[in-house]
Amino acid sequence: MDLGLSGRWALVCAASKGLGRGCAEALVKEGAHVVITARGAEALEATAADLRRLNPAVHVVAVAGDIATVEGRTAALAACPQVDILINNAGGPPPGDFRDWDRAAWLAAIDANMLTPIELIKATVDAMAARGYGRVVNITSGAVKAPIDVLGLSNGARSGLTGFVAGLARQSSLAGRNVTLNNLLPGAFDTERLHKTLAAGGAKTGQSSEEFAAKRRAAIPAQRFGTAAEFGAICAMLCSAQAGYLTGQNILLDGGAYPGVY
């Protein structure tokens, strides 16, 4: 199926590795031009080179910087001729015990995982509406639906973003102009972030990270962790021309781990 993304411009945050990179790869394969951001310049440039080899017909622009800062957002937006697709993504706050988190830790989590996506949405959706096409995908976490105790900072900040998007996505000035906003909620995907979480969980329960990972994997009906490539494919589908009637939704990708109906 042709997703209708050829020639579109996408801004993909935290795209040098992990799920952000998976999304950038999927969009490039579909013919979209991409501006990718991340804090690590070396890893970002390596990813940009790989993306160019993946599809030499598209433009790939790498902008190193911290998307959680005004300067980082300004640079990323300036590098994108127009933002047809916005993939909000940021490294999650560290795991731990809420008793150890001070006000600064909470504000950093909220700034990176709630306020930064909102600022980027604010900067792009009205122009999307004026052009009659726009797709916003926020990479949040399966912990929004099934909180993980050691990820309290992430649980709180990402839940705030989820509530905000639920209201904004239903504004007729956006939905009525073919601008959709959806959230992708990853469960356990084989990324650096997961390995850190597994290590923290193992330490809390007196197990090695390998033992803890094996138990976590066994609890997933799919009996494995997800891959960045399959996550990216779902992201590309949400960005497609065919997905214009899908907005304000939380799409959970977790191999069947969440036991609820809703």
Protein backbone atom coordinates (compact mmCIF):
# COMPACT_ATOMS: atom_id res chain seq x y z
CA MET A 1 0.00 0.00 0.00
CA ASP A 2 1.23 3.50 -0.87
CA LEU A 3 0.91 5.51 2.36
CA GLY A 4 0.92 8.82 0.52
CA LEU A 5 3.99 10.11 2.37
CA SER A 6 6.30 10.72 -0.58
CA GLY A 7 7.54 14.32 -0.55
CA ARG A 8 6.19 15.08 2.92
CA TRP A 9 8.51 16.64 5.50
CA ALA A 10 8.80 15.03 8.92
CA LEU A 11 10.48 16.24 12.09
CA VAL A 12 11.50 13.21 14.16
CA CYS A 13 12.81 13.87 17.66
CA ALA A 14 15.35 11.72 19.50
CA ALA A 15 15.95 9.84 16.26
CA SER A 16 19.59 8.77 16.48
CA LYS A 17 18.67 5.38 17.94
CA GLY A 18 15.87 3.30 19.39
CA LEU A 19 12.23 3.92 18.59
CA GLY A 20 12.84 7.38 17.15
CA ARG A 21 15.27 5.94 14.64
CA GLY A 22 12.79 3.18 13.80
CA CYS A 23 10.19 5.82 12.96
CA ALA A 24 12.64 7.84 10.85
CA GLU A 25 13.63 4.73 8.89
CA ALA A 26 10.01 3.83 8.18
CA LEU A 27 9.19 7.34 6.97
CA VAL A 28 12.28 7.51 4.75
CA LYS A 29 11.35 4.17 3.18
CA GLU A 30 7.97 5.70 2.30
CA GLY A 31 9.64 8.65 0.57
CA ALA A 32 9.31 11.29 3.26
CA HIS A 33 12.04 13.86 3.82
CA VAL A 34 13.16 13.98 7.44
CA VAL A 35 14.79 16.31 9.90
CA ILE A 36 16.17 14.22 12.73
CA THR A 37 17.28 15.51 16.10
CA ALA A 38 19.21 14.15 19.07
CA ARG A 39 21.70 15.43 21.62
CA GLY A 40 24.60 13.24 20.50
CA ALA A 41 26.00 14.69 17.28
CA GLU A 42 28.19 11.72 16.35
CA ALA A 43 25.43 9.10 16.65
CA LEU A 44 22.99 11.44 14.90
CA GLU A 45 25.26 11.97 11.90
CA ALA A 46 25.84 8.22 11.62
CA THR A 47 22.09 7.64 11.59
CA ALA A 48 21.61 10.37 8.99
CA ALA A 49 24.16 8.68 6.74
CA ASP A 50 22.35 5.36 7.10
CA LEU A 51 19.02 6.98 6.26
CA ARG A 52 20.45 8.56 3.12
CA ARG A 53 21.72 5.17 1.99
CA LEU A 54 18.29 3.69 2.74
CA ASN A 55 16.63 6.07 0.28
CA PRO A 56 18.93 8.37 -1.71
CA ALA A 57 15.89 10.14 -3.20
CA VAL A 58 14.94 11.91 0.03
CA HIS A 59 16.47 14.76 1.99
CA VAL A 60 17.82 13.89 5.44
CA VAL A 61 18.84 16.77 7.70
CA ALA A 62 20.50 16.17 11.07
CA VAL A 63 20.21 18.82 13.78
CA ALA A 64 22.13 18.06 16.95
CA GLY A 65 20.74 19.66 20.09
CA ASP A 66 18.50 19.22 23.09
CA ILE A 67 14.89 19.33 21.91
CA ALA A 68 13.84 20.09 25.50
CA THR A 69 15.42 23.55 25.19
CA VAL A 70 14.16 26.60 23.34
CA GLU A 71 17.38 26.67 21.31
CA GLY A 72 17.07 23.01 20.36
CA ARG A 73 13.47 23.37 19.23
CA THR A 74 14.18 26.56 17.30
CA ALA A 75 17.05 24.95 15.39
CA ALA A 76 15.08 21.82 14.56
CA LEU A 77 12.04 23.74 13.33
CA ALA A 78 14.21 26.11 11.28
CA ALA A 79 15.79 23.15 9.46
CA CYS A 80 12.43 21.81 8.28
CA PRO A 81 10.94 23.67 5.28
CA GLN A 82 7.50 22.70 6.55
CA VAL A 83 6.41 20.21 9.17
CA ASP A 84 3.81 17.88 7.71
CA ILE A 85 4.60 15.15 10.24
CA LEU A 86 5.77 15.64 13.81
CA ILE A 87 7.10 12.70 15.80
CA ASN A 88 7.50 13.77 19.41
CA ASN A 89 9.97 11.68 21.32
CA ALA A 90 12.37 12.19 24.20
CA GLY A 91 14.47 9.99 26.40
CA GLY A 92 12.45 9.01 29.43
CA PRO A 93 13.42 10.19 32.91
CA PRO A 94 15.44 7.79 35.05
CA PRO A 95 13.78 4.99 36.99
CA GLY A 96 13.87 5.01 40.76
CA ASP A 97 11.95 5.54 43.99
CA PHE A 98 9.73 8.61 44.30
CA ARG A 99 11.19 9.22 47.75
CA ASP A 100 14.47 10.14 46.09
CA TRP A 101 13.06 12.61 43.56
CA ASP A 102 13.16 16.29 44.38
CA ARG A 103 11.25 19.11 42.71
CA ALA A 104 13.99 19.59 40.11
CA ALA A 105 13.69 15.95 39.00
CA TRP A 106 9.94 16.30 38.56
CA LEU A 107 10.25 19.55 36.62
CA ALA A 108 12.88 18.06 34.31
CA ALA A 109 10.61 15.09 33.56
CA ILE A 110 7.59 17.29 32.91
CA ASP A 111 9.60 19.67 30.74
CA ALA A 112 11.05 16.93 28.52
CA ASN A 113 8.08 14.55 28.31
CA MET A 114 5.09 16.88 28.50
CA LEU A 115 5.88 20.54 27.87
CA THR A 116 8.38 20.02 25.02
CA PRO A 117 5.92 18.01 22.89
CA ILE A 118 3.24 20.62 23.60
CA GLU A 119 5.57 23.43 22.47
CA LEU A 120 6.35 21.60 19.23
CA ILE A 121 2.67 20.90 18.63
CA LYS A 122 1.90 24.56 19.24
CA ALA A 123 4.56 25.58 16.73
CA THR A 124 3.30 23.35 13.92
CA VAL A 125 -0.38 22.39 13.96
CA ASP A 126 -1.89 25.66 12.74
CA ALA A 127 0.29 25.62 9.63
CA MET A 128 -0.63 21.97 9.12
CA ALA A 129 -4.32 22.94 9.27
CA ALA A 130 -3.79 25.78 6.80
CA ARG A 131 -2.28 23.29 4.32
CA GLY A 132 -5.00 20.68 4.98
CA TYR A 133 -2.67 17.92 6.12
CA GLY A 134 -0.85 17.13 9.33
CA ARG A 135 0.11 14.16 11.47
CA VAL A 136 1.38 14.33 15.05
CA VAL A 137 2.51 11.14 16.74
CA ASN A 138 3.67 11.29 20.33
CA ILE A 139 5.81 8.40 21.52
CA THR A 140 4.79 7.96 25.15
CA SER A 141 4.77 4.65 27.03
CA GLY A 142 2.66 1.63 27.80
CA ALA A 143 3.10 2.75 31.41
CA VAL A 144 0.43 5.39 30.72
CA LYS A 145 -2.11 2.54 30.76
CA ALA A 146 -0.33 0.17 33.13
CA PRO A 147 2.06 2.18 35.34
CA ILE A 148 5.42 0.67 36.28
CA ASP A 149 6.39 1.51 39.83
CA VAL A 150 10.03 2.41 39.14
CA LEU A 151 8.98 4.75 36.30
CA GLY A 152 7.00 7.21 38.38
CA LEU A 153 8.52 10.29 36.73
CA SER A 154 7.58 8.95 33.30
CA ASN A 155 4.13 7.81 34.45
CA GLY A 156 3.27 11.28 35.67
CA ALA A 157 4.73 13.41 32.87
CA ARG A 158 3.49 11.27 30.01
CA SER A 159 0.01 10.97 31.51
CA GLY A 160 -0.16 14.75 31.52
CA LEU A 161 0.67 14.85 27.81
CA THR A 162 -1.92 12.15 27.14
CA GLY A 163 -4.67 14.21 28.76
CA PHE A 164 -3.68 17.33 26.85
CA VAL A 165 -3.65 15.55 23.48
CA ALA A 166 -7.06 13.99 24.17
CA GLY A 167 -8.63 17.44 24.22
CA LEU A 168 -6.60 19.08 21.46
CA ALA A 169 -7.08 16.27 18.94
CA ARG A 170 -10.84 16.83 19.05
CA GLN A 171 -10.78 20.48 18.12
CA SER A 172 -12.65 20.83 14.84
CA SER A 173 -10.13 23.47 13.69
CA LEU A 174 -7.59 20.63 13.53
CA ALA A 175 -9.55 17.41 13.01
CA GLY A 176 -11.73 19.15 10.44
CA ARG A 177 -8.64 20.20 8.51
CA ASN A 178 -7.09 16.72 8.25
CA VAL A 179 -4.71 17.20 11.19
CA THR A 180 -4.55 14.21 13.50
CA LEU A 181 -2.85 13.74 16.86
CA ASN A 182 -2.28 10.28 18.27
CA ASN A 183 -0.08 8.64 20.87
CA LEU A 184 1.98 5.49 20.39
CA LEU A 185 2.46 3.60 23.65
CA PRO A 186 5.39 1.19 23.47
CA GLY A 187 5.57 -1.73 25.83
CA ALA A 188 8.82 -3.63 26.12
CA PHE A 189 10.97 -2.87 23.08
CA ASP A 190 14.59 -3.92 22.74
CA THR A 191 16.19 -0.51 23.34
CA GLU A 192 18.75 1.00 25.68
CA ARG A 193 15.89 2.43 27.71
CA LEU A 194 14.48 -1.04 28.31
CA HIS A 195 17.84 -2.38 29.44
CA LYS A 196 18.12 0.41 32.02
CA THR A 197 14.62 -0.34 33.29
CA LEU A 198 15.37 -4.05 33.52
CA ALA A 199 18.55 -3.36 35.44
CA ALA A 200 16.65 -1.15 37.88
CA GLY A 201 13.91 -3.75 38.29
CA GLY A 202 16.44 -6.49 38.86
CA ALA A 203 18.31 -4.46 41.47
CA LYS A 204 15.07 -3.74 43.33
CA THR A 205 14.14 -7.44 43.47
CA GLY A 206 17.63 -8.82 44.06
CA GLN A 207 17.94 -10.39 40.61
CA SER A 208 20.39 -9.90 37.78
CA SER A 209 19.14 -7.88 34.85
CA GLU A 210 19.24 -11.06 32.73
CA GLU A 211 17.03 -12.94 35.18
CA PHE A 212 14.63 -10.05 35.43
CA ALA A 213 14.54 -9.72 31.62
CA ALA A 214 13.76 -13.41 31.18
CA LYS A 215 10.78 -13.15 33.54
CA ARG A 216 9.56 -9.98 31.84
CA ARG A 217 9.83 -11.64 28.43
CA ALA A 218 7.97 -14.73 29.62
CA ALA A 219 5.09 -12.54 30.84
CA ILE A 220 4.50 -11.14 27.34
CA PRO A 221 2.11 -13.26 25.27
CA ALA A 222 4.30 -12.69 22.21
CA GLN A 223 7.18 -14.17 24.23
CA ARG A 224 9.63 -11.53 23.05
CA PHE A 225 10.49 -7.84 23.14
CA GLY A 226 9.46 -5.65 20.23
CA THR A 227 11.77 -4.23 17.58
CA ALA A 228 12.26 -0.62 16.56
CA ALA A 229 11.47 -1.52 12.94
CA GLU A 230 7.98 -2.82 13.70
CA PHE A 231 7.31 0.18 15.93
CA GLY A 232 8.34 2.48 13.09
CA ALA A 233 6.01 0.70 10.67
CA ILE A 234 3.00 1.42 12.90
CA CYS A 235 4.13 5.03 13.24
CA ALA A 236 4.27 5.38 9.45
CA MET A 237 0.75 3.97 9.20
CA LEU A 238 -0.53 6.61 11.65
CA CYS A 239 1.13 9.29 9.50
CA SER A 240 -0.38 8.00 6.28
CA ALA A 241 -2.94 9.67 4.06
CA GLN A 242 -5.29 6.78 4.88
CA ALA A 243 -5.25 7.56 8.62
CA GLY A 244 -7.07 10.88 8.43
CA TYR A 245 -10.08 9.57 10.36
CA LEU A 246 -7.96 8.29 13.25
CA THR A 247 -7.26 10.92 15.89
CA GLY A 248 -7.08 11.33 19.66
CA GLN A 249 -6.17 7.67 20.16
CA ASN A 250 -3.66 5.83 22.33
CA ILE A 251 -2.24 2.93 20.34
CA LEU A 252 -0.65 0.33 22.61
CA LEU A 253 2.13 -1.85 21.17
CA ASP A 254 3.11 -4.36 23.82
CA GLY A 255 2.85 -7.89 22.40
CA GLY A 256 -0.41 -8.42 24.28
CA ALA A 257 1.06 -7.75 27.73
CA TYR A 258 -1.66 -5.37 28.91
CA PRO A 259 -4.44 -7.57 30.32
CA GLY A 260 -7.32 -5.10 30.14
CA VAL A 261 -10.16 -4.70 27.67
CA TYR A 262 -9.91 -0.90 27.33
